[in-house]
Amino acid sequence: MKHEARSLAPEPTVVKTVVKTVVESVVKSVVKNSDAIVTILADNPSATRQQLAKATGLSVRGVEWNLKALKDAGRIHRVGPDKGGHWEVIG
């Protein structure tokens, strides 16, 4: 009885579809989380990372990542020190 070797690698079109779906999902989540953080900061510029985490369901580290991305994109700006300062939403 002769057995043929099968490739375990998925079809290229399957890989392409999976990658596209994952990227779209990640982008959607990042935009949703960033928008939620901006909305919260517009209402409460003194919100802490812990408060943002609780309000968004993200971890504190996830909030920090999003805050950095928002700062790098020019959407928010920190005024004053970590303790006693506040956030400004730009545009």
PDB file of N, CA and C in Angstrom:
ATOM      1  N   MET A   1       0.836  -1.174   0.000  1.00  0.00           N
ATOM      2  CA  MET A   1       0.000   0.000   0.000  1.00  0.00           C
ATOM      3  C   MET A   1       0.886   1.245   0.000  1.00  0.00           C
ATOM      4  N   LYS A   2       0.704   2.066  -0.963  1.00  0.00           N
ATOM      5  CA  LYS A   2       1.542   3.239  -1.121  1.00  0.00           C
ATOM      6  C   LYS A   2       0.800   4.470  -0.581  1.00  0.00           C
ATOM      7  N   HIS A   3       1.490   5.246   0.292  1.00  0.00           N
ATOM      8  CA  HIS A   3       0.894   6.470   0.847  1.00  0.00           C
ATOM      9  C   HIS A   3       1.541   7.678   0.196  1.00  0.00           C
ATOM     10  N   GLU A   4       0.704   8.633  -0.156  1.00  0.00           N
ATOM     11  CA  GLU A   4       1.228   9.875  -0.723  1.00  0.00           C
ATOM     12  C   GLU A   4       1.457  10.875   0.393  1.00  0.00           C
ATOM     13  N   ALA A   5       2.550  11.590   0.296  1.00  0.00           N
ATOM     14  CA  ALA A   5       2.839  12.631   1.294  1.00  0.00           C
ATOM     15  C   ALA A   5       1.954  13.836   1.008  1.00  0.00           C
ATOM     16  N   ARG A   6       1.351  14.349   2.053  1.00  0.00           N
ATOM     17  CA  ARG A   6       0.516  15.538   1.931  1.00  0.00           C
ATOM     18  C   ARG A   6       1.197  16.715   2.601  1.00  0.00           C
ATOM     19  N   SER A   7       1.046  17.822   2.018  1.00  0.00           N
ATOM     20  CA  SER A   7       1.581  19.048   2.619  1.00  0.00           C
ATOM     21  C   SER A   7       0.625  19.507   3.711  1.00  0.00           C
ATOM     22  N   LEU A   8       1.164  19.859   4.855  1.00  0.00           N
ATOM     23  CA  LEU A   8       0.332  20.350   5.951  1.00  0.00           C
ATOM     24  C   LEU A   8       0.136  21.862   5.886  1.00  0.00           C
ATOM     25  N   ALA A   9       0.804  22.499   4.953  1.00  0.00           N
ATOM     26  CA  ALA A   9       0.692  23.949   4.814  1.00  0.00           C
ATOM     27  C   ALA A   9      -0.663  24.299   4.212  1.00  0.00           C
ATOM     28  N   PRO A  10      -1.309  25.339   4.746  1.00  0.00           N
ATOM     29  CA  PRO A  10      -2.601  25.742   4.190  1.00  0.00           C
ATOM     30  C   PRO A  10      -2.429  26.384   2.815  1.00  0.00           C
ATOM     31  N   GLU A  11      -3.501  26.412   2.077  1.00  0.00           N
ATOM     32  CA  GLU A  11      -3.505  27.050   0.757  1.00  0.00           C
ATOM     33  C   GLU A  11      -3.158  28.530   0.907  1.00  0.00           C
ATOM     34  N   PRO A  12      -2.426  29.113  -0.036  1.00  0.00           N
ATOM     35  CA  PRO A  12      -2.075  30.537   0.037  1.00  0.00           C
ATOM     36  C   PRO A  12      -3.289  31.459   0.141  1.00  0.00           C
ATOM     37  N   THR A  13      -4.378  31.102  -0.531  1.00  0.00           N
ATOM     38  CA  THR A  13      -5.575  31.953  -0.455  1.00  0.00           C
ATOM     39  C   THR A  13      -6.184  31.920   0.940  1.00  0.00           C
ATOM     40  N   VAL A  14      -6.093  30.789   1.616  1.00  0.00           N
ATOM     41  CA  VAL A  14      -6.605  30.680   2.982  1.00  0.00           C
ATOM     42  C   VAL A  14      -5.771  31.555   3.908  1.00  0.00           C
ATOM     43  N   VAL A  15      -4.463  31.493   3.762  1.00  0.00           N
ATOM     44  CA  VAL A  15      -3.567  32.298   4.586  1.00  0.00           C
ATOM     45  C   VAL A  15      -3.856  33.786   4.363  1.00  0.00           C
ATOM     46  N   LYS A  16      -3.982  34.170   3.098  1.00  0.00           N
ATOM     47  CA  LYS A  16      -4.247  35.573   2.758  1.00  0.00           C
ATOM     48  C   LYS A  16      -5.566  36.040   3.386  1.00  0.00           C
ATOM     49  N   THR A  17      -6.597  35.212   3.316  1.00  0.00           N
ATOM     50  CA  THR A  17      -7.897  35.558   3.886  1.00  0.00           C
ATOM     51  C   THR A  17      -7.826  35.679   5.410  1.00  0.00           C
ATOM     52  N   VAL A  18      -7.138  34.757   6.043  1.00  0.00           N
ATOM     53  CA  VAL A  18      -6.998  34.794   7.504  1.00  0.00           C
ATOM     54  C   VAL A  18      -6.231  36.041   7.936  1.00  0.00           C
ATOM     55  N   VAL A  19      -5.138  36.336   7.267  1.00  0.00           N
ATOM     56  CA  VAL A  19      -4.337  37.517   7.605  1.00  0.00           C
ATOM     57  C   VAL A  19      -5.174  38.777   7.438  1.00  0.00           C
ATOM     58  N   LYS A  20      -5.900  38.877   6.338  1.00  0.00           N
ATOM     59  CA  LYS A  20      -6.745  40.050   6.087  1.00  0.00           C
ATOM     60  C   LYS A  20      -7.796  40.200   7.182  1.00  0.00           C
ATOM     61  N   THR A  21      -8.438  39.119   7.575  1.00  0.00           N
ATOM     62  CA  THR A  21      -9.464  39.152   8.610  1.00  0.00           C
ATOM     63  C   THR A  21      -8.882  39.566   9.950  1.00  0.00           C
ATOM     64  N   VAL A  22      -7.732  39.026  10.299  1.00  0.00           N
ATOM     65  CA  VAL A  22      -7.092  39.367  11.572  1.00  0.00           C
ATOM     66  C   VAL A  22      -6.691  40.843  11.588  1.00  0.00           C
ATOM     67  N   VAL A  23      -6.100  41.324  10.508  1.00  0.00           N
ATOM     68  CA  VAL A  23      -5.684  42.730  10.440  1.00  0.00           C
ATOM     69  C   VAL A  23      -6.898  43.645  10.563  1.00  0.00           C
ATOM     70  N   GLU A  24      -7.961  43.337   9.841  1.00  0.00           N
ATOM     71  CA  GLU A  24      -9.175  44.160   9.919  1.00  0.00           C
ATOM     72  C   GLU A  24      -9.733  44.176  11.330  1.00  0.00           C
ATOM     73  N   SER A  25      -9.736  43.032  11.988  1.00  0.00           N
ATOM     74  CA  SER A  25     -10.253  42.931  13.352  1.00  0.00           C
ATOM     75  C   SER A  25      -9.412  43.744  14.329  1.00  0.00           C
ATOM     76  N   VAL A  26      -8.093  43.658  14.196  1.00  0.00           N
ATOM     77  CA  VAL A  26      -7.190  44.399  15.077  1.00  0.00           C
ATOM     78  C   VAL A  26      -7.361  45.897  14.869  1.00  0.00           C
ATOM     79  N   VAL A  27      -7.428  46.322  13.618  1.00  0.00           N
ATOM     80  CA  VAL A  27      -7.591  47.748  13.322  1.00  0.00           C
ATOM     81  C   VAL A  27      -8.904  48.262  13.910  1.00  0.00           C
ATOM     82  N   LYS A  28      -9.976  47.489  13.746  1.00  0.00           N
ATOM     83  CA  LYS A  28     -11.278  47.879  14.284  1.00  0.00           C
ATOM     84  C   LYS A  28     -11.207  48.031  15.810  1.00  0.00           C
ATOM     85  N   SER A  29     -10.552  47.089  16.474  1.00  0.00           N
ATOM     86  CA  SER A  29     -10.429  47.130  17.932  1.00  0.00           C
ATOM     87  C   SER A  29      -9.605  48.328  18.390  1.00  0.00           C
ATOM     88  N   VAL A  30      -8.510  48.594  17.706  1.00  0.00           N
ATOM     89  CA  VAL A  30      -7.654  49.720  18.071  1.00  0.00           C
ATOM     90  C   VAL A  30      -8.418  51.027  17.918  1.00  0.00           C
ATOM     91  N   VAL A  31      -9.135  51.182  16.814  1.00  0.00           N
ATOM     92  CA  VAL A  31      -9.911  52.400  16.584  1.00  0.00           C
ATOM     93  C   VAL A  31     -10.995  52.543  17.645  1.00  0.00           C
ATOM     94  N   LYS A  32     -11.694  51.456  17.943  1.00  0.00           N
ATOM     95  CA  LYS A  32     -12.760  51.490  18.947  1.00  0.00           C
ATOM     96  C   LYS A  32     -12.193  51.876  20.312  1.00  0.00           C
ATOM     97  N   ASN A  33     -11.085  51.259  20.709  1.00  0.00           N
ATOM     98  CA  ASN A  33     -10.483  51.554  22.010  1.00  0.00           C
ATOM     99  C   ASN A  33      -9.957  52.984  22.063  1.00  0.00           C
ATOM    100  N   SER A  34      -9.303  53.423  21.000  1.00  0.00           N
ATOM    101  CA  SER A  34      -8.775  54.789  20.955  1.00  0.00           C
ATOM    102  C   SER A  34      -9.902  55.806  21.028  1.00  0.00           C
ATOM    103  N   ASP A  35     -10.970  55.578  20.272  1.00  0.00           N
ATOM    104  CA  ASP A  35     -12.111  56.489  20.298  1.00  0.00           C
ATOM    105  C   ASP A  35     -12.750  56.537  21.687  1.00  0.00           C
ATOM    106  N   ALA A  36     -12.850  55.386  22.342  1.00  0.00           N
ATOM    107  CA  ALA A  36     -13.424  55.345  23.691  1.00  0.00           C
ATOM    108  C   ALA A  36     -12.563  56.146  24.660  1.00  0.00           C
ATOM    109  N   ILE A  37     -11.258  56.004  24.573  1.00  0.00           N
ATOM    110  CA  ILE A  37     -10.352  56.739  25.462  1.00  0.00           C
ATOM    111  C   ILE A  37     -10.459  58.241  25.203  1.00  0.00           C
ATOM    112  N   VAL A  38     -10.494  58.646  23.941  1.00  0.00           N
ATOM    113  CA  VAL A  38     -10.622  60.072  23.616  1.00  0.00           C
ATOM    114  C   VAL A  38     -11.937  60.629  24.162  1.00  0.00           C
ATOM    115  N   THR A  39     -13.020  59.893  24.024  1.00  0.00           N
ATOM    116  CA  THR A  39     -14.321  60.333  24.536  1.00  0.00           C
ATOM    117  C   THR A  39     -14.280  60.515  26.045  1.00  0.00           C
ATOM    118  N   ILE A  40     -13.677  59.569  26.738  1.00  0.00           N
ATOM    119  CA  ILE A  40     -13.578  59.649  28.197  1.00  0.00           C
ATOM    120  C   ILE A  40     -12.724  60.847  28.593  1.00  0.00           C
ATOM    121  N   LEU A  41     -11.595  61.033  27.917  1.00  0.00           N
ATOM    122  CA  LEU A  41     -10.703  62.147  28.262  1.00  0.00           C
ATOM    123  C   LEU A  41     -11.336  63.498  27.943  1.00  0.00           C
ATOM    124  N   ALA A  42     -12.186  63.566  26.939  1.00  0.00           N
ATOM    125  CA  ALA A  42     -12.881  64.812  26.629  1.00  0.00           C
ATOM    126  C   ALA A  42     -13.838  65.179  27.765  1.00  0.00           C
ATOM    127  N   ASP A  43     -14.462  64.165  28.370  1.00  0.00           N
ATOM    128  CA  ASP A  43     -15.392  64.392  29.483  1.00  0.00           C
ATOM    129  C   ASP A  43     -14.679  64.549  30.815  1.00  0.00           C
ATOM    130  N   ASN A  44     -13.535  63.859  30.968  1.00  0.00           N
ATOM    131  CA  ASN A  44     -12.810  63.868  32.233  1.00  0.00           C
ATOM    132  C   ASN A  44     -11.307  63.922  31.951  1.00  0.00           C
ATOM    133  N   PRO A  45     -10.764  65.128  31.708  1.00  0.00           N
ATOM    134  CA  PRO A  45      -9.350  65.252  31.347  1.00  0.00           C
ATOM    135  C   PRO A  45      -8.376  64.759  32.421  1.00  0.00           C
ATOM    136  N   SER A  46      -8.838  64.625  33.643  1.00  0.00           N
ATOM    137  CA  SER A  46      -7.970  64.163  34.730  1.00  0.00           C
ATOM    138  C   SER A  46      -8.075  62.662  34.972  1.00  0.00           C
ATOM    139  N   ALA A  47      -8.735  61.940  34.075  1.00  0.00           N
ATOM    140  CA  ALA A  47      -8.910  60.489  34.244  1.00  0.00           C
ATOM    141  C   ALA A  47      -7.547  59.806  34.345  1.00  0.00           C
ATOM    142  N   THR A  48      -7.452  58.865  35.273  1.00  0.00           N
ATOM    143  CA  THR A  48      -6.206  58.109  35.457  1.00  0.00           C
ATOM    144  C   THR A  48      -6.187  56.895  34.527  1.00  0.00           C
ATOM    145  N   ARG A  49      -5.032  56.298  34.399  1.00  0.00           N
ATOM    146  CA  ARG A  49      -4.910  55.084  33.581  1.00  0.00           C
ATOM    147  C   ARG A  49      -5.808  53.978  34.136  1.00  0.00           C
ATOM    148  N   GLN A  50      -5.860  53.884  35.451  1.00  0.00           N
ATOM    149  CA  GLN A  50      -6.701  52.866  36.075  1.00  0.00           C
ATOM    150  C   GLN A  50      -8.181  53.117  35.768  1.00  0.00           C
ATOM    151  N   GLN A  51      -8.608  54.379  35.810  1.00  0.00           N
ATOM    152  CA  GLN A  51     -10.000  54.712  35.498  1.00  0.00           C
ATOM    153  C   GLN A  51     -10.303  54.409  34.030  1.00  0.00           C
ATOM    154  N   LEU A  52      -9.353  54.720  33.156  1.00  0.00           N
ATOM    155  CA  LEU A  52      -9.540  54.422  31.733  1.00  0.00           C
ATOM    156  C   LEU A  52      -9.630  52.921  31.500  1.00  0.00           C
ATOM    157  N   ALA A  53      -8.794  52.170  32.214  1.00  0.00           N
ATOM    158  CA  ALA A  53      -8.815  50.708  32.081  1.00  0.00           C
ATOM    159  C   ALA A  53     -10.167  50.156  32.516  1.00  0.00           C
ATOM    160  N   LYS A  54     -10.669  50.624  33.622  1.00  0.00           N
ATOM    161  CA  LYS A  54     -11.957  50.146  34.130  1.00  0.00           C
ATOM    162  C   LYS A  54     -13.087  50.516  33.171  1.00  0.00           C
ATOM    163  N   ALA A  55     -13.057  51.721  32.635  1.00  0.00           N
ATOM    164  CA  ALA A  55     -14.125  52.196  31.759  1.00  0.00           C
ATOM    165  C   ALA A  55     -14.110  51.502  30.388  1.00  0.00           C
ATOM    166  N   THR A  56     -12.928  51.122  29.906  1.00  0.00           N
ATOM    167  CA  THR A  56     -12.825  50.524  28.578  1.00  0.00           C
ATOM    168  C   THR A  56     -12.753  49.004  28.593  1.00  0.00           C
ATOM    169  N   GLY A  57     -12.431  48.433  29.747  1.00  0.00           N
ATOM    170  CA  GLY A  57     -12.257  46.986  29.814  1.00  0.00           C
ATOM    171  C   GLY A  57     -10.868  46.535  29.391  1.00  0.00           C
ATOM    172  N   LEU A  58      -9.982  47.498  29.121  1.00  0.00           N
ATOM    173  CA  LEU A  58      -8.605  47.177  28.770  1.00  0.00           C
ATOM    174  C   LEU A  58      -7.772  46.992  30.034  1.00  0.00           C
ATOM    175  N   SER A  59      -6.622  46.391  29.892  1.00  0.00           N
ATOM    176  CA  SER A  59      -5.671  46.359  30.997  1.00  0.00           C
ATOM    177  C   SER A  59      -5.019  47.735  31.092  1.00  0.00           C
ATOM    178  N   VAL A  60      -4.372  48.010  32.218  1.00  0.00           N
ATOM    179  CA  VAL A  60      -3.661  49.277  32.363  1.00  0.00           C
ATOM    180  C   VAL A  60      -2.590  49.370  31.283  1.00  0.00           C
ATOM    181  N   ARG A  61      -1.910  48.277  30.999  1.00  0.00           N
ATOM    182  CA  ARG A  61      -0.896  48.271  29.943  1.00  0.00           C
ATOM    183  C   ARG A  61      -1.525  48.555  28.577  1.00  0.00           C
ATOM    184  N   GLY A  62      -2.712  48.022  28.337  1.00  0.00           N
ATOM    185  CA  GLY A  62      -3.426  48.308  27.090  1.00  0.00           C
ATOM    186  C   GLY A  62      -3.774  49.782  26.969  1.00  0.00           C
ATOM    187  N   VAL A  63      -4.176  50.385  28.085  1.00  0.00           N
ATOM    188  CA  VAL A  63      -4.468  51.819  28.097  1.00  0.00           C
ATOM    189  C   VAL A  63      -3.196  52.601  27.808  1.00  0.00           C
ATOM    190  N   GLU A  64      -2.093  52.228  28.450  1.00  0.00           N
ATOM    191  CA  GLU A  64      -0.819  52.917  28.211  1.00  0.00           C
ATOM    192  C   GLU A  64      -0.425  52.841  26.743  1.00  0.00           C
ATOM    193  N   TRP A  65      -0.603  51.670  26.131  1.00  0.00           N
ATOM    194  CA  TRP A  65      -0.282  51.497  24.715  1.00  0.00           C
ATOM    195  C   TRP A  65      -1.125  52.439  23.870  1.00  0.00           C
ATOM    196  N   ASN A  66      -2.436  52.493  24.156  1.00  0.00           N
ATOM    197  CA  ASN A  66      -3.338  53.354  23.399  1.00  0.00           C
ATOM    198  C   ASN A  66      -3.036  54.829  23.630  1.00  0.00           C
ATOM    199  N   LEU A  67      -2.701  55.216  24.854  1.00  0.00           N
ATOM    200  CA  LEU A  67      -2.352  56.609  25.130  1.00  0.00           C
ATOM    201  C   LEU A  67      -1.122  57.020  24.326  1.00  0.00           C
ATOM    202  N   LYS A  68      -0.126  56.143  24.267  1.00  0.00           N
ATOM    203  CA  LYS A  68       1.078  56.447  23.485  1.00  0.00           C
ATOM    204  C   LYS A  68       0.730  56.590  22.007  1.00  0.00           C
ATOM    205  N   ALA A  69      -0.096  55.693  21.498  1.00  0.00           N
ATOM    206  CA  ALA A  69      -0.493  55.760  20.089  1.00  0.00           C
ATOM    207  C   ALA A  69      -1.265  57.052  19.808  1.00  0.00           C
ATOM    208  N   LEU A  70      -2.131  57.448  20.740  1.00  0.00           N
ATOM    209  CA  LEU A  70      -2.900  58.682  20.580  1.00  0.00           C
ATOM    210  C   LEU A  70      -1.994  59.908  20.635  1.00  0.00           C
ATOM    211  N   LYS A  71      -1.011  59.889  21.543  1.00  0.00           N
ATOM    212  CA  LYS A  71      -0.053  61.000  21.617  1.00  0.00           C
ATOM    213  C   LYS A  71       0.776  61.069  20.339  1.00  0.00           C
ATOM    214  N   ASP A  72       1.263  59.928  19.883  1.00  0.00           N
ATOM    215  CA  ASP A  72       2.077  59.888  18.666  1.00  0.00           C
ATOM    216  C   ASP A  72       1.285  60.364  17.445  1.00  0.00           C
ATOM    217  N   ALA A  73      -0.026  60.115  17.444  1.00  0.00           N
ATOM    218  CA  ALA A  73      -0.885  60.529  16.336  1.00  0.00           C
ATOM    219  C   ALA A  73      -1.329  61.984  16.464  1.00  0.00           C
ATOM    220  N   GLY A  74      -0.983  62.615  17.596  1.00  0.00           N
ATOM    221  CA  GLY A  74      -1.346  64.011  17.797  1.00  0.00           C
ATOM    222  C   GLY A  74      -2.797  64.226  18.195  1.00  0.00           C
ATOM    223  N   ARG A  75      -3.461  63.194  18.695  1.00  0.00           N
ATOM    224  CA  ARG A  75      -4.871  63.321  19.078  1.00  0.00           C
ATOM    225  C   ARG A  75      -5.046  63.786  20.511  1.00  0.00           C
ATOM    226  N   ILE A  76      -4.037  63.530  21.367  1.00  0.00           N
ATOM    227  CA  ILE A  76      -4.094  63.985  22.759  1.00  0.00           C
ATOM    228  C   ILE A  76      -2.736  64.541  23.155  1.00  0.00           C
ATOM    229  N   HIS A  77      -2.745  65.317  24.229  1.00  0.00           N
ATOM    230  CA  HIS A  77      -1.514  65.923  24.743  1.00  0.00           C
ATOM    231  C   HIS A  77      -1.619  65.977  26.260  1.00  0.00           C
ATOM    232  N   ARG A  78      -0.554  65.614  26.939  1.00  0.00           N
ATOM    233  CA  ARG A  78      -0.530  65.650  28.399  1.00  0.00           C
ATOM    234  C   ARG A  78      -0.028  67.016  28.848  1.00  0.00           C
ATOM    235  N   VAL A  79      -0.772  67.662  29.751  1.00  0.00           N
ATOM    236  CA  VAL A  79      -0.397  68.956  30.306  1.00  0.00           C
ATOM    237  C   VAL A  79      -0.100  68.752  31.782  1.00  0.00           C
ATOM    238  N   GLY A  80       1.097  69.122  32.216  1.00  0.00           N
ATOM    239  CA  GLY A  80       1.461  68.979  33.615  1.00  0.00           C
ATOM    240  C   GLY A  80       2.031  67.616  33.926  1.00  0.00           C
ATOM    241  N   PRO A  81       2.310  67.402  35.213  1.00  0.00           N
ATOM    242  CA  PRO A  81       2.949  66.148  35.638  1.00  0.00           C
ATOM    243  C   PRO A  81       1.972  64.973  35.639  1.00  0.00           C
ATOM    244  N   ASP A  82       2.530  63.771  35.834  1.00  0.00           N
ATOM    245  CA  ASP A  82       1.688  62.573  35.914  1.00  0.00           C
ATOM    246  C   ASP A  82       0.646  62.701  37.028  1.00  0.00           C
ATOM    247  N   LYS A  83       1.087  63.225  38.160  1.00  0.00           N
ATOM    248  CA  LYS A  83       0.142  63.457  39.270  1.00  0.00           C
ATOM    249  C   LYS A  83      -0.232  64.931  39.247  1.00  0.00           C
ATOM    250  N   GLY A  84      -1.503  65.205  39.090  1.00  0.00           N
ATOM    251  CA  GLY A  84      -1.983  66.579  39.100  1.00  0.00           C
ATOM    252  C   GLY A  84      -2.128  67.194  37.713  1.00  0.00           C
ATOM    253  N   GLY A  85      -1.673  66.518  36.673  1.00  0.00           N
ATOM    254  CA  GLY A  85      -1.812  67.030  35.322  1.00  0.00           C
ATOM    255  C   GLY A  85      -3.146  66.596  34.712  1.00  0.00           C
ATOM    256  N   HIS A  86      -3.315  66.904  33.454  1.00  0.00           N
ATOM    257  CA  HIS A  86      -4.534  66.496  32.750  1.00  0.00           C
ATOM    258  C   HIS A  86      -4.256  66.304  31.265  1.00  0.00           C
ATOM    259  N   TRP A  87      -5.215  65.713  30.584  1.00  0.00           N
ATOM    260  CA  TRP A  87      -5.104  65.458  29.163  1.00  0.00           C
ATOM    261  C   TRP A  87      -5.884  66.506  28.385  1.00  0.00           C
ATOM    262  N   GLU A  88      -5.364  66.886  27.239  1.00  0.00           N
ATOM    263  CA  GLU A  88      -6.088  67.736  26.309  1.00  0.00           C
ATOM    264  C   GLU A  88      -6.345  66.921  25.046  1.00  0.00           C
ATOM    265  N   VAL A  89      -7.606  66.938  24.610  1.00  0.00           N
ATOM    266  CA  VAL A  89      -7.959  66.275  23.364  1.00  0.00           C
ATOM    267  C   VAL A  89      -7.779  67.306  22.262  1.00  0.00           C
ATOM    268  N   ILE A  90      -7.064  66.912  21.223  1.00  0.00           N
ATOM    269  CA  ILE A  90      -6.742  67.820  20.120  1.00  0.00           C
ATOM    270  C   ILE A  90      -7.600  67.434  18.916  1.00  0.00           C
ATOM    271  N   GLY A  91      -8.342  68.375  18.423  1.00  0.00           N
ATOM    272  CA  GLY A  91      -9.159  68.158  17.219  1.00  0.00           C
ATOM    273  C   GLY A  91     -10.265  67.262  17.391  1.00  0.00           C
TER     274      GLY A  91
END
